[in-house]
Amino acid sequence: MAKGYGRVGGKKGAGGQTGMMQQIQRLQEQMEAAQEALAEEVTTASVGGGAVKVTMTGDQRCKEVVIDPELLKDADAEMLQDLILSAVNMALDQSRAMQSEKLGPLSGGIPGLGF
């Protein structure tokens, strides 16, 4: 009989599964560490020549909204709302790009986990 013929689930296969499980566990630990680091990183978006600034973390939490008091003297509510909306969306885009940069390489090898 040929070597290995008729074998089902030999040692080699079982060791491969153990190795893969260890790789997945390491990857999970790396992902968790990267997500924790992202929560600490911030990005700030500024619109209206610095009249409105929004600071967002890498895990998409809004940390601060700053409105220049000078803007409030002449601004109408609609313009202020538009500026705030633009700043929040810009900060979110920057935060998502930061997240993709940090987590993308870790999820590249696993289908369905792309960020």
C-alpha atoms as a PDB file:
ATOM      1  CA  MET A   1       0.000   0.000   0.000  1.00  0.00           C
ATOM      2  CA  ALA A   2       1.301   3.443  -0.860  1.00  0.00           C
ATOM      3  CA  LYS A   3       2.502   5.635   1.965  1.00  0.00           C
ATOM      4  CA  GLY A   4      -0.390   7.679   3.359  1.00  0.00           C
ATOM      5  CA  TYR A   5      -2.951   5.971   1.148  1.00  0.00           C
ATOM      6  CA  GLY A   6      -6.286   5.568   2.864  1.00  0.00           C
ATOM      7  CA  ARG A   7      -5.405   7.715   5.869  1.00  0.00           C
ATOM      8  CA  VAL A   8      -8.038  10.010   7.216  1.00  0.00           C
ATOM      9  CA  GLY A   9      -7.168  12.824   9.635  1.00  0.00           C
ATOM     10  CA  GLY A  10      -3.571  11.885  10.348  1.00  0.00           C
ATOM     11  CA  LYS A  11      -1.293  13.784  12.710  1.00  0.00           C
ATOM     12  CA  LYS A  12      -0.300  16.264  10.059  1.00  0.00           C
ATOM     13  CA  GLY A  13      -3.902  17.439   9.604  1.00  0.00           C
ATOM     14  CA  ALA A  14      -4.529  17.771  13.326  1.00  0.00           C
ATOM     15  CA  GLY A  15      -1.334  19.766  13.851  1.00  0.00           C
ATOM     16  CA  GLY A  16      -2.351  22.057  11.019  1.00  0.00           C
ATOM     17  CA  GLN A  17      -5.613  22.833  12.752  1.00  0.00           C
ATOM     18  CA  THR A  18      -3.851  23.569  16.021  1.00  0.00           C
ATOM     19  CA  GLY A  19      -1.419  25.860  14.228  1.00  0.00           C
ATOM     20  CA  MET A  20      -4.253  27.641  12.466  1.00  0.00           C
ATOM     21  CA  MET A  21      -6.133  28.124  15.744  1.00  0.00           C
ATOM     22  CA  GLN A  22      -2.996  29.630  17.292  1.00  0.00           C
ATOM     23  CA  GLN A  23      -2.636  31.964  14.298  1.00  0.00           C
ATOM     24  CA  ILE A  24      -6.258  33.045  14.616  1.00  0.00           C
ATOM     25  CA  GLN A  25      -5.810  33.650  18.332  1.00  0.00           C
ATOM     26  CA  ARG A  26      -2.687  35.774  17.681  1.00  0.00           C
ATOM     27  CA  LEU A  27      -4.520  37.702  14.983  1.00  0.00           C
ATOM     28  CA  GLN A  28      -7.430  38.309  17.347  1.00  0.00           C
ATOM     29  CA  GLU A  29      -5.038  39.627  20.007  1.00  0.00           C
ATOM     30  CA  GLN A  30      -3.385  41.913  17.445  1.00  0.00           C
ATOM     31  CA  MET A  31      -6.777  43.201  16.310  1.00  0.00           C
ATOM     32  CA  GLU A  32      -7.828  43.942  19.887  1.00  0.00           C
ATOM     33  CA  ALA A  33      -4.563  45.787  20.549  1.00  0.00           C
ATOM     34  CA  ALA A  34      -4.962  47.802  17.339  1.00  0.00           C
ATOM     35  CA  GLN A  35      -8.561  48.689  18.243  1.00  0.00           C
ATOM     36  CA  GLU A  36      -7.469  49.830  21.707  1.00  0.00           C
ATOM     37  CA  ALA A  37      -4.743  51.975  20.135  1.00  0.00           C
ATOM     38  CA  LEU A  38      -7.280  53.470  17.702  1.00  0.00           C
ATOM     39  CA  ALA A  39      -9.497  54.493  20.604  1.00  0.00           C
ATOM     40  CA  GLU A  40      -6.591  56.626  21.843  1.00  0.00           C
ATOM     41  CA  GLU A  41      -5.754  58.256  18.500  1.00  0.00           C
ATOM     42  CA  VAL A  42      -7.601  61.390  17.418  1.00  0.00           C
ATOM     43  CA  THR A  43      -8.142  63.369  14.264  1.00  0.00           C
ATOM     44  CA  THR A  44      -9.509  66.909  13.982  1.00  0.00           C
ATOM     45  CA  ALA A  45     -11.482  68.255  11.044  1.00  0.00           C
ATOM     46  CA  SER A  46     -11.835  71.983  10.546  1.00  0.00           C
ATOM     47  CA  VAL A  47     -14.307  73.802   8.277  1.00  0.00           C
ATOM     48  CA  GLY A  48     -15.273  77.397   7.603  1.00  0.00           C
ATOM     49  CA  GLY A  49     -11.699  78.608   7.908  1.00  0.00           C
ATOM     50  CA  GLY A  50     -11.428  77.108  11.388  1.00  0.00           C
ATOM     51  CA  ALA A  51     -14.821  78.382  12.543  1.00  0.00           C
ATOM     52  CA  VAL A  52     -15.943  74.837  13.434  1.00  0.00           C
ATOM     53  CA  LYS A  53     -13.615  72.039  14.540  1.00  0.00           C
ATOM     54  CA  VAL A  54     -14.582  68.457  15.358  1.00  0.00           C
ATOM     55  CA  THR A  55     -12.237  66.021  17.080  1.00  0.00           C
ATOM     56  CA  MET A  56     -12.931  62.310  16.609  1.00  0.00           C
ATOM     57  CA  THR A  57     -11.168  59.180  17.857  1.00  0.00           C
ATOM     58  CA  GLY A  58     -10.029  56.314  15.661  1.00  0.00           C
ATOM     59  CA  ASP A  59     -12.988  54.276  16.870  1.00  0.00           C
ATOM     60  CA  GLN A  60     -15.436  56.951  15.647  1.00  0.00           C
ATOM     61  CA  ARG A  61     -16.289  58.633  18.924  1.00  0.00           C
ATOM     62  CA  CYS A  62     -16.768  62.383  18.795  1.00  0.00           C
ATOM     63  CA  LYS A  63     -14.586  63.890  21.521  1.00  0.00           C
ATOM     64  CA  GLU A  64     -15.038  67.618  20.969  1.00  0.00           C
ATOM     65  CA  VAL A  65     -16.865  70.224  18.918  1.00  0.00           C
ATOM     66  CA  VAL A  66     -15.406  73.731  18.980  1.00  0.00           C
ATOM     67  CA  ILE A  67     -17.243  76.720  17.514  1.00  0.00           C
ATOM     68  CA  ASP A  68     -15.449  80.041  17.161  1.00  0.00           C
ATOM     69  CA  PRO A  69     -17.456  82.599  19.184  1.00  0.00           C
ATOM     70  CA  GLU A  70     -17.023  85.105  16.357  1.00  0.00           C
ATOM     71  CA  LEU A  71     -19.076  82.847  14.107  1.00  0.00           C
ATOM     72  CA  LEU A  72     -22.000  83.024  16.514  1.00  0.00           C
ATOM     73  CA  LYS A  73     -22.217  86.816  16.241  1.00  0.00           C
ATOM     74  CA  ASP A  74     -23.147  86.772  12.560  1.00  0.00           C
ATOM     75  CA  ALA A  75     -24.203  83.185  11.870  1.00  0.00           C
ATOM     76  CA  ASP A  76     -27.670  81.989  11.212  1.00  0.00           C
ATOM     77  CA  ALA A  77     -28.738  78.586  12.501  1.00  0.00           C
ATOM     78  CA  GLU A  78     -28.814  76.944   9.062  1.00  0.00           C
ATOM     79  CA  MET A  79     -25.248  77.967   8.230  1.00  0.00           C
ATOM     80  CA  LEU A  80     -24.017  76.776  11.630  1.00  0.00           C
ATOM     81  CA  GLN A  81     -25.780  73.424  11.172  1.00  0.00           C
ATOM     82  CA  ASP A  82     -24.207  72.988   7.732  1.00  0.00           C
ATOM     83  CA  LEU A  83     -20.730  73.746   9.095  1.00  0.00           C
ATOM     84  CA  ILE A  84     -21.131  71.323  11.990  1.00  0.00           C
ATOM     85  CA  LEU A  85     -22.466  68.597   9.700  1.00  0.00           C
ATOM     86  CA  SER A  86     -19.551  69.084   7.294  1.00  0.00           C
ATOM     87  CA  ALA A  87     -16.998  68.977  10.099  1.00  0.00           C
ATOM     88  CA  VAL A  88     -18.498  65.826  11.655  1.00  0.00           C
ATOM     89  CA  ASN A  89     -18.603  64.016   8.319  1.00  0.00           C
ATOM     90  CA  MET A  90     -15.034  65.052   7.504  1.00  0.00           C
ATOM     91  CA  ALA A  91     -13.832  63.861  10.926  1.00  0.00           C
ATOM     92  CA  LEU A  92     -15.652  60.542  10.442  1.00  0.00           C
ATOM     93  CA  ASP A  93     -14.012  60.054   7.042  1.00  0.00           C
ATOM     94  CA  GLN A  94     -10.591  60.740   8.547  1.00  0.00           C
ATOM     95  CA  SER A  95     -11.293  58.382  11.443  1.00  0.00           C
ATOM     96  CA  ARG A  96     -12.408  55.608   9.086  1.00  0.00           C
ATOM     97  CA  ALA A  97      -9.268  56.069   6.991  1.00  0.00           C
ATOM     98  CA  MET A  98      -7.173  55.809  10.174  1.00  0.00           C
ATOM     99  CA  GLN A  99      -9.041  52.644  11.128  1.00  0.00           C
ATOM    100  CA  SER A 100      -8.567  51.130   7.686  1.00  0.00           C
ATOM    101  CA  GLU A 101      -4.852  51.908   7.799  1.00  0.00           C
ATOM    102  CA  LYS A 102      -4.405  50.266  11.203  1.00  0.00           C
ATOM    103  CA  LEU A 103      -6.750  47.285  10.914  1.00  0.00           C
ATOM    104  CA  GLY A 104      -6.627  46.632   7.167  1.00  0.00           C
ATOM    105  CA  PRO A 105      -3.327  44.730   7.176  1.00  0.00           C
ATOM    106  CA  LEU A 106      -4.526  42.526  10.033  1.00  0.00           C
ATOM    107  CA  SER A 107      -7.751  41.565   8.283  1.00  0.00           C
ATOM    108  CA  GLY A 108      -6.317  41.250   4.775  1.00  0.00           C
ATOM    109  CA  GLY A 109      -5.830  37.507   4.975  1.00  0.00           C
ATOM    110  CA  ILE A 110      -9.262  36.643   6.315  1.00  0.00           C
ATOM    111  CA  PRO A 111     -12.183  36.842   3.872  1.00  0.00           C
ATOM    112  CA  GLY A 112     -15.114  38.871   5.116  1.00  0.00           C
ATOM    113  CA  LEU A 113     -13.112  40.892   7.643  1.00  0.00           C
ATOM    114  CA  GLY A 114     -11.875  43.634   5.330  1.00  0.00           C
ATOM    115  CA  PHE A 115     -12.158  47.142   6.793  1.00  0.00           C
END
